[in-house]
Amino acid sequence: MLKRLLSPKLNDNGINSALLILRLVSASLMIPHGFKKLMHFSEKSEDFMSFMGLSGEISLALVVGAEFFCAILLVAGLFSRAAVIPMVVAMLVAAFDAHNGEIFGDGETSFLFLACYVTVLIAGPGKYSLDTYIFKR
């Protein structure tokens, strides 16, 4: 048992299980953020930050799309790599614009989510996803 814990060898089941946990946890924790913004859209759109010349309303709609709808796709493992791209952009903006790049301060959570989503973008959703069953690689 100790030998297995200390072994540097990669295990396909371990990698796929880790990707499943990463997807489920990071996306499930993001959904409430997007849902809260969706439910209070009209109040939040008035003073939501505008980004790259977009109005606060459009910026908020893009964030809701990323934090709520893309997170639901990520939980299911459906179109995972495409779904994390808006999530990566949203977390980049949150960490480095909204929280002024304070990744060891207010932007810490955004940066942690960003790391999770970049990992899924690079590694893919893993074996335990709808992508695998639909697109059978």
N, C-alpha and C. Protein backbone atom coordinates (compact mmCIF):
# COMPACT_ATOMS: atom_id res chain seq x y z
N MET A 1 0.82 -1.20 0.00
CA MET A 1 0.00 0.00 0.00
C MET A 1 0.87 1.26 0.00
N LEU A 2 1.88 1.30 0.86
CA LEU A 2 2.76 2.46 0.93
C LEU A 2 3.54 2.62 -0.38
N LYS A 3 3.94 1.50 -0.96
CA LYS A 3 4.66 1.54 -2.24
C LYS A 3 3.80 2.17 -3.33
N ARG A 4 2.51 1.84 -3.32
CA ARG A 4 1.60 2.40 -4.32
C ARG A 4 1.41 3.90 -4.11
N LEU A 5 1.30 4.33 -2.86
CA LEU A 5 1.14 5.75 -2.56
C LEU A 5 2.36 6.56 -2.97
N LEU A 6 3.53 5.98 -2.87
CA LEU A 6 4.76 6.70 -3.18
C LEU A 6 5.21 6.53 -4.64
N SER A 7 4.51 5.71 -5.40
CA SER A 7 4.89 5.44 -6.78
C SER A 7 4.57 6.64 -7.69
N PRO A 8 5.53 7.01 -8.55
CA PRO A 8 5.29 8.11 -9.48
C PRO A 8 4.56 7.67 -10.76
N LYS A 9 4.25 6.38 -10.88
CA LYS A 9 3.61 5.87 -12.08
C LYS A 9 2.19 6.42 -12.22
N LEU A 10 1.83 6.74 -13.45
CA LEU A 10 0.48 7.21 -13.73
C LEU A 10 -0.44 6.02 -13.94
N ASN A 11 -1.65 6.17 -13.52
CA ASN A 11 -2.64 5.11 -13.61
C ASN A 11 -3.86 5.69 -14.34
N ASP A 12 -4.27 5.06 -15.42
CA ASP A 12 -5.40 5.58 -16.20
C ASP A 12 -6.66 5.76 -15.36
N ASN A 13 -6.99 4.79 -14.54
CA ASN A 13 -8.19 4.91 -13.70
C ASN A 13 -8.05 6.06 -12.71
N GLY A 14 -6.86 6.23 -12.19
CA GLY A 14 -6.63 7.33 -11.25
C GLY A 14 -6.76 8.69 -11.92
N ILE A 15 -6.20 8.80 -13.12
CA ILE A 15 -6.28 10.06 -13.86
C ILE A 15 -7.73 10.38 -14.21
N ASN A 16 -8.45 9.38 -14.71
CA ASN A 16 -9.85 9.60 -15.08
C ASN A 16 -10.72 9.91 -13.87
N SER A 17 -10.45 9.27 -12.76
CA SER A 17 -11.19 9.57 -11.53
C SER A 17 -10.88 10.97 -11.03
N ALA A 18 -9.61 11.36 -11.11
CA ALA A 18 -9.22 12.70 -10.69
C ALA A 18 -9.87 13.77 -11.56
N LEU A 19 -9.92 13.53 -12.86
CA LEU A 19 -10.57 14.49 -13.76
C LEU A 19 -12.07 14.58 -13.48
N LEU A 20 -12.69 13.46 -13.17
CA LEU A 20 -14.11 13.47 -12.81
C LEU A 20 -14.33 14.31 -11.55
N ILE A 21 -13.53 14.07 -10.53
CA ILE A 21 -13.67 14.83 -9.28
C ILE A 21 -13.43 16.31 -9.53
N LEU A 22 -12.38 16.63 -10.29
CA LEU A 22 -12.08 18.03 -10.60
C LEU A 22 -13.24 18.71 -11.32
N ARG A 23 -13.78 18.04 -12.33
CA ARG A 23 -14.92 18.60 -13.08
C ARG A 23 -16.12 18.79 -12.19
N LEU A 24 -16.50 17.73 -11.45
CA LEU A 24 -17.71 17.80 -10.62
C LEU A 24 -17.62 18.86 -9.53
N VAL A 25 -16.50 18.87 -8.83
CA VAL A 25 -16.36 19.81 -7.71
C VAL A 25 -16.26 21.25 -8.20
N SER A 26 -15.37 21.51 -9.16
CA SER A 26 -15.18 22.90 -9.59
C SER A 26 -16.43 23.47 -10.25
N ALA A 27 -17.09 22.68 -11.08
CA ALA A 27 -18.30 23.18 -11.76
C ALA A 27 -19.48 23.28 -10.79
N SER A 28 -19.61 22.32 -9.89
CA SER A 28 -20.72 22.37 -8.92
C SER A 28 -20.59 23.56 -7.98
N LEU A 29 -19.36 23.92 -7.65
CA LEU A 29 -19.16 25.10 -6.80
C LEU A 29 -19.36 26.40 -7.57
N MET A 30 -19.24 26.36 -8.89
CA MET A 30 -19.43 27.56 -9.71
C MET A 30 -20.90 27.83 -9.99
N ILE A 31 -21.70 26.79 -10.12
CA ILE A 31 -23.12 26.95 -10.48
C ILE A 31 -23.87 27.93 -9.58
N PRO A 32 -23.72 27.86 -8.25
CA PRO A 32 -24.45 28.83 -7.41
C PRO A 32 -24.07 30.29 -7.68
N HIS A 33 -22.80 30.53 -8.06
CA HIS A 33 -22.39 31.91 -8.39
C HIS A 33 -23.16 32.42 -9.61
N GLY A 34 -23.23 31.58 -10.63
CA GLY A 34 -23.96 31.97 -11.84
C GLY A 34 -25.45 32.05 -11.62
N PHE A 35 -25.99 31.12 -10.82
CA PHE A 35 -27.43 31.12 -10.55
C PHE A 35 -27.84 32.38 -9.80
N LYS A 36 -27.04 32.79 -8.84
CA LYS A 36 -27.33 34.01 -8.07
C LYS A 36 -27.35 35.23 -9.00
N LYS A 37 -26.40 35.29 -9.91
CA LYS A 37 -26.37 36.40 -10.86
C LYS A 37 -27.56 36.34 -11.82
N LEU A 38 -27.94 35.13 -12.23
CA LEU A 38 -29.09 34.96 -13.12
C LEU A 38 -30.38 35.41 -12.45
N MET A 39 -30.56 35.03 -11.19
CA MET A 39 -31.79 35.37 -10.46
C MET A 39 -31.91 36.86 -10.16
N HIS A 40 -30.78 37.54 -10.05
CA HIS A 40 -30.78 38.98 -9.73
C HIS A 40 -30.20 39.79 -10.89
N PHE A 41 -30.45 39.30 -12.10
CA PHE A 41 -29.85 39.89 -13.29
C PHE A 41 -30.18 41.38 -13.42
N SER A 42 -31.43 41.75 -13.28
CA SER A 42 -31.82 43.15 -13.52
C SER A 42 -31.18 44.09 -12.51
N GLU A 43 -31.07 43.66 -11.23
CA GLU A 43 -30.45 44.53 -10.24
C GLU A 43 -28.93 44.62 -10.46
N LYS A 44 -28.31 43.51 -10.78
CA LYS A 44 -26.86 43.47 -10.93
C LYS A 44 -26.38 44.12 -12.22
N SER A 45 -27.21 44.09 -13.27
CA SER A 45 -26.76 44.59 -14.57
C SER A 45 -26.50 46.09 -14.56
N GLU A 46 -27.16 46.81 -13.68
CA GLU A 46 -26.99 48.25 -13.63
C GLU A 46 -25.60 48.67 -13.19
N ASP A 47 -25.00 47.93 -12.23
CA ASP A 47 -23.69 48.32 -11.73
C ASP A 47 -22.61 47.26 -11.95
N PHE A 48 -22.87 46.31 -12.85
CA PHE A 48 -21.88 45.28 -13.14
C PHE A 48 -20.76 45.90 -13.97
N MET A 49 -19.53 45.44 -13.75
CA MET A 49 -18.39 46.03 -14.46
C MET A 49 -18.52 45.83 -15.97
N SER A 50 -18.17 46.86 -16.72
CA SER A 50 -18.13 46.71 -18.17
C SER A 50 -16.72 46.26 -18.53
N PHE A 51 -16.62 45.39 -19.49
CA PHE A 51 -15.33 44.85 -19.87
C PHE A 51 -15.12 45.01 -21.35
N MET A 52 -13.97 45.54 -21.73
CA MET A 52 -13.58 45.74 -23.12
C MET A 52 -14.64 46.50 -23.93
N GLY A 53 -15.23 47.49 -23.32
CA GLY A 53 -16.20 48.32 -24.02
C GLY A 53 -17.61 47.76 -24.06
N LEU A 54 -17.81 46.56 -23.51
CA LEU A 54 -19.15 45.99 -23.46
C LEU A 54 -19.93 46.61 -22.31
N SER A 55 -21.22 46.72 -22.47
CA SER A 55 -22.03 47.27 -21.38
C SER A 55 -22.03 46.31 -20.21
N GLY A 56 -22.40 46.81 -19.04
CA GLY A 56 -22.49 45.97 -17.86
C GLY A 56 -23.48 44.84 -18.04
N GLU A 57 -24.56 45.10 -18.77
CA GLU A 57 -25.58 44.09 -19.01
C GLU A 57 -25.04 42.94 -19.88
N ILE A 58 -24.31 43.28 -20.93
CA ILE A 58 -23.74 42.26 -21.80
C ILE A 58 -22.65 41.48 -21.06
N SER A 59 -21.81 42.19 -20.32
CA SER A 59 -20.77 41.52 -19.53
C SER A 59 -21.38 40.55 -18.54
N LEU A 60 -22.45 40.96 -17.87
CA LEU A 60 -23.12 40.09 -16.91
C LEU A 60 -23.73 38.88 -17.60
N ALA A 61 -24.33 39.08 -18.76
CA ALA A 61 -24.91 37.96 -19.51
C ALA A 61 -23.84 36.94 -19.88
N LEU A 62 -22.67 37.41 -20.29
CA LEU A 62 -21.57 36.51 -20.63
C LEU A 62 -21.08 35.74 -19.40
N VAL A 63 -21.01 36.42 -18.27
CA VAL A 63 -20.58 35.77 -17.04
C VAL A 63 -21.60 34.74 -16.58
N VAL A 64 -22.88 35.07 -16.66
CA VAL A 64 -23.93 34.10 -16.31
C VAL A 64 -23.84 32.88 -17.22
N GLY A 65 -23.63 33.11 -18.50
CA GLY A 65 -23.48 32.00 -19.43
C GLY A 65 -22.32 31.09 -19.05
N ALA A 66 -21.21 31.70 -18.67
CA ALA A 66 -20.03 30.92 -18.28
C ALA A 66 -20.23 30.23 -16.94
N GLU A 67 -20.65 30.99 -15.93
CA GLU A 67 -20.72 30.46 -14.57
C GLU A 67 -21.88 29.52 -14.33
N PHE A 68 -22.95 29.66 -15.08
CA PHE A 68 -24.11 28.80 -14.85
C PHE A 68 -24.26 27.75 -15.94
N PHE A 69 -24.45 28.18 -17.17
CA PHE A 69 -24.75 27.23 -18.24
C PHE A 69 -23.54 26.38 -18.63
N CYS A 70 -22.38 26.99 -18.75
CA CYS A 70 -21.18 26.21 -19.07
C CYS A 70 -20.79 25.29 -17.91
N ALA A 71 -21.04 25.72 -16.69
CA ALA A 71 -20.74 24.87 -15.53
C ALA A 71 -21.64 23.63 -15.53
N ILE A 72 -22.88 23.79 -15.94
CA ILE A 72 -23.78 22.63 -16.04
C ILE A 72 -23.26 21.65 -17.09
N LEU A 73 -22.80 22.17 -18.22
CA LEU A 73 -22.21 21.30 -19.25
C LEU A 73 -20.98 20.58 -18.71
N LEU A 74 -20.19 21.27 -17.92
CA LEU A 74 -18.97 20.68 -17.38
C LEU A 74 -19.29 19.57 -16.37
N VAL A 75 -20.30 19.75 -15.55
CA VAL A 75 -20.71 18.70 -14.62
C VAL A 75 -21.06 17.44 -15.40
N ALA A 76 -21.78 17.61 -16.49
CA ALA A 76 -22.19 16.47 -17.31
C ALA A 76 -21.03 15.92 -18.14
N GLY A 77 -20.00 16.72 -18.30
CA GLY A 77 -18.90 16.30 -19.16
C GLY A 77 -19.30 16.35 -20.62
N LEU A 78 -20.13 17.31 -20.96
CA LEU A 78 -20.64 17.45 -22.32
C LEU A 78 -20.03 18.70 -22.96
N PHE A 79 -19.37 18.53 -24.11
CA PHE A 79 -18.65 19.62 -24.78
C PHE A 79 -17.71 20.32 -23.79
N SER A 80 -17.03 19.52 -23.01
CA SER A 80 -16.24 20.02 -21.87
C SER A 80 -15.19 21.05 -22.24
N ARG A 81 -14.39 20.74 -23.25
CA ARG A 81 -13.33 21.68 -23.60
C ARG A 81 -13.90 23.00 -24.12
N ALA A 82 -14.95 22.93 -24.90
CA ALA A 82 -15.59 24.16 -25.38
C ALA A 82 -16.25 24.91 -24.23
N ALA A 83 -16.82 24.18 -23.28
CA ALA A 83 -17.52 24.81 -22.15
C ALA A 83 -16.55 25.53 -21.21
N VAL A 84 -15.33 25.01 -21.07
CA VAL A 84 -14.41 25.67 -20.13
C VAL A 84 -13.77 26.93 -20.70
N ILE A 85 -13.80 27.11 -22.01
CA ILE A 85 -13.18 28.32 -22.58
C ILE A 85 -13.84 29.60 -22.03
N PRO A 86 -15.18 29.74 -22.06
CA PRO A 86 -15.77 30.94 -21.46
C PRO A 86 -15.53 31.02 -19.95
N MET A 87 -15.42 29.86 -19.31
CA MET A 87 -15.16 29.84 -17.87
C MET A 87 -13.74 30.33 -17.58
N VAL A 88 -12.79 29.94 -18.42
CA VAL A 88 -11.41 30.41 -18.28
C VAL A 88 -11.37 31.93 -18.46
N VAL A 89 -12.04 32.43 -19.48
CA VAL A 89 -12.05 33.88 -19.74
C VAL A 89 -12.68 34.61 -18.55
N ALA A 90 -13.82 34.10 -18.07
CA ALA A 90 -14.50 34.74 -16.93
C ALA A 90 -13.60 34.78 -15.69
N MET A 91 -12.88 33.70 -15.44
CA MET A 91 -12.02 33.65 -14.25
C MET A 91 -10.76 34.50 -14.43
N LEU A 92 -10.27 34.61 -15.66
CA LEU A 92 -9.16 35.53 -15.93
C LEU A 92 -9.57 36.96 -15.62
N VAL A 93 -10.75 37.34 -16.11
CA VAL A 93 -11.26 38.69 -15.86
C VAL A 93 -11.50 38.90 -14.36
N ALA A 94 -12.10 37.91 -13.72
CA ALA A 94 -12.36 38.03 -12.28
C ALA A 94 -11.07 38.16 -11.48
N ALA A 95 -10.10 37.31 -11.78
CA ALA A 95 -8.85 37.32 -11.00
C ALA A 95 -8.00 38.55 -11.27
N PHE A 96 -7.86 38.93 -12.54
CA PHE A 96 -6.90 39.96 -12.88
C PHE A 96 -7.48 41.34 -13.12
N ASP A 97 -8.79 41.44 -13.36
CA ASP A 97 -9.39 42.75 -13.56
C ASP A 97 -10.25 43.12 -12.35
N ALA A 98 -11.23 42.30 -12.04
CA ALA A 98 -12.13 42.61 -10.93
C ALA A 98 -11.40 42.59 -9.58
N HIS A 99 -10.41 41.70 -9.43
CA HIS A 99 -9.69 41.60 -8.16
C HIS A 99 -8.25 42.11 -8.27
N ASN A 100 -7.99 42.86 -9.33
CA ASN A 100 -6.70 43.55 -9.52
C ASN A 100 -5.48 42.65 -9.43
N GLY A 101 -5.63 41.39 -9.82
CA GLY A 101 -4.49 40.47 -9.83
C GLY A 101 -4.01 40.03 -8.47
N GLU A 102 -4.80 40.26 -7.46
CA GLU A 102 -4.42 39.86 -6.10
C GLU A 102 -4.73 38.38 -5.91
N ILE A 103 -3.89 37.51 -6.51
CA ILE A 103 -4.17 36.08 -6.46
C ILE A 103 -3.89 35.48 -5.08
N PHE A 104 -3.24 36.22 -4.21
CA PHE A 104 -3.07 35.78 -2.83
C PHE A 104 -3.92 36.63 -1.90
N GLY A 105 -4.99 37.18 -2.45
CA GLY A 105 -5.91 38.01 -1.68
C GLY A 105 -7.32 37.78 -2.17
N ASP A 106 -7.99 38.85 -2.60
CA ASP A 106 -9.38 38.76 -3.05
C ASP A 106 -9.56 37.90 -4.29
N GLY A 107 -8.55 37.81 -5.14
CA GLY A 107 -8.68 37.04 -6.37
C GLY A 107 -8.30 35.57 -6.23
N GLU A 108 -8.05 35.14 -5.02
CA GLU A 108 -7.60 33.77 -4.75
C GLU A 108 -8.57 32.70 -5.28
N THR A 109 -9.85 32.86 -5.00
CA THR A 109 -10.84 31.87 -5.42
C THR A 109 -10.96 31.86 -6.94
N SER A 110 -10.96 33.01 -7.55
CA SER A 110 -11.02 33.09 -9.01
C SER A 110 -9.84 32.39 -9.64
N PHE A 111 -8.67 32.60 -9.06
CA PHE A 111 -7.45 31.99 -9.61
C PHE A 111 -7.48 30.47 -9.44
N LEU A 112 -8.02 30.00 -8.34
CA LEU A 112 -8.13 28.56 -8.11
C LEU A 112 -9.09 27.93 -9.13
N PHE A 113 -10.24 28.57 -9.36
CA PHE A 113 -11.16 28.10 -10.40
C PHE A 113 -10.47 28.12 -11.76
N LEU A 114 -9.74 29.18 -12.03
CA LEU A 114 -9.01 29.30 -13.30
C LEU A 114 -8.07 28.11 -13.50
N ALA A 115 -7.33 27.75 -12.47
CA ALA A 115 -6.41 26.62 -12.55
C ALA A 115 -7.15 25.32 -12.84
N CYS A 116 -8.30 25.13 -12.21
CA CYS A 116 -9.11 23.92 -12.46
C CYS A 116 -9.58 23.87 -13.91
N TYR A 117 -10.08 24.97 -14.42
CA TYR A 117 -10.63 24.98 -15.77
C TYR A 117 -9.55 24.88 -16.84
N VAL A 118 -8.39 25.44 -16.59
CA VAL A 118 -7.28 25.29 -17.54
C VAL A 118 -6.82 23.83 -17.56
N THR A 119 -6.83 23.19 -16.41
CA THR A 119 -6.48 21.77 -16.35
C THR A 119 -7.43 20.93 -17.18
N VAL A 120 -8.72 21.19 -17.08
CA VAL A 120 -9.71 20.46 -17.88
C VAL A 120 -9.52 20.79 -19.37
N LEU A 121 -9.23 22.03 -19.68
CA LEU A 121 -9.00 22.42 -21.07
C LEU A 121 -7.83 21.64 -21.66
N ILE A 122 -6.76 21.49 -20.90
CA ILE A 122 -5.57 20.80 -21.38
C ILE A 122 -5.79 19.28 -21.40
N ALA A 123 -6.30 18.72 -20.32
CA ALA A 123 -6.39 17.26 -20.17
C ALA A 123 -7.64 16.66 -20.79
N GLY A 124 -8.68 17.47 -20.93
CA GLY A 124 -9.96 16.94 -21.41
C GLY A 124 -10.81 16.46 -20.23
N PRO A 125 -12.01 16.00 -20.51
CA PRO A 125 -12.95 15.66 -19.45
C PRO A 125 -12.68 14.30 -18.80
N GLY A 126 -11.89 13.46 -19.43
CA GLY A 126 -11.63 12.13 -18.90
C GLY A 126 -12.65 11.12 -19.39
N LYS A 127 -12.42 9.89 -19.01
CA LYS A 127 -13.22 8.76 -19.46
C LYS A 127 -14.66 8.82 -18.94
N TYR A 128 -14.85 9.35 -17.76
CA TYR A 128 -16.17 9.37 -17.13
C TYR A 128 -16.91 10.66 -17.47
N SER A 129 -17.25 10.81 -18.74
CA SER A 129 -17.95 12.00 -19.21
C SER A 129 -18.86 11.62 -20.36
N LEU A 130 -19.84 12.47 -20.61
CA LEU A 130 -20.71 12.24 -21.77
C LEU A 130 -19.94 12.41 -23.08
N ASP A 131 -18.94 13.25 -23.08
CA ASP A 131 -18.11 13.41 -24.27
C ASP A 131 -17.54 12.07 -24.72
N THR A 132 -17.04 11.30 -23.78
CA THR A 132 -16.45 10.00 -24.11
C THR A 132 -17.48 9.06 -24.70
N TYR A 133 -18.68 9.05 -24.13
CA TYR A 133 -19.70 8.14 -24.62
C TYR A 133 -20.28 8.59 -25.97
N ILE A 134 -20.38 9.87 -26.17
CA ILE A 134 -20.95 10.38 -27.42
C ILE A 134 -19.95 10.32 -28.56
N PHE A 135 -18.73 10.74 -28.28
CA PHE A 135 -17.73 10.87 -29.34
C PHE A 135 -16.77 9.70 -29.41
N LYS A 136 -16.91 8.72 -28.57
CA LYS A 136 -16.10 7.49 -28.50
C LYS A 136 -14.78 7.58 -29.25
N ARG A 137 -13.82 8.10 -28.59
CA ARG A 137 -12.49 8.32 -29.19
C ARG A 137 -11.76 7.04 -29.37
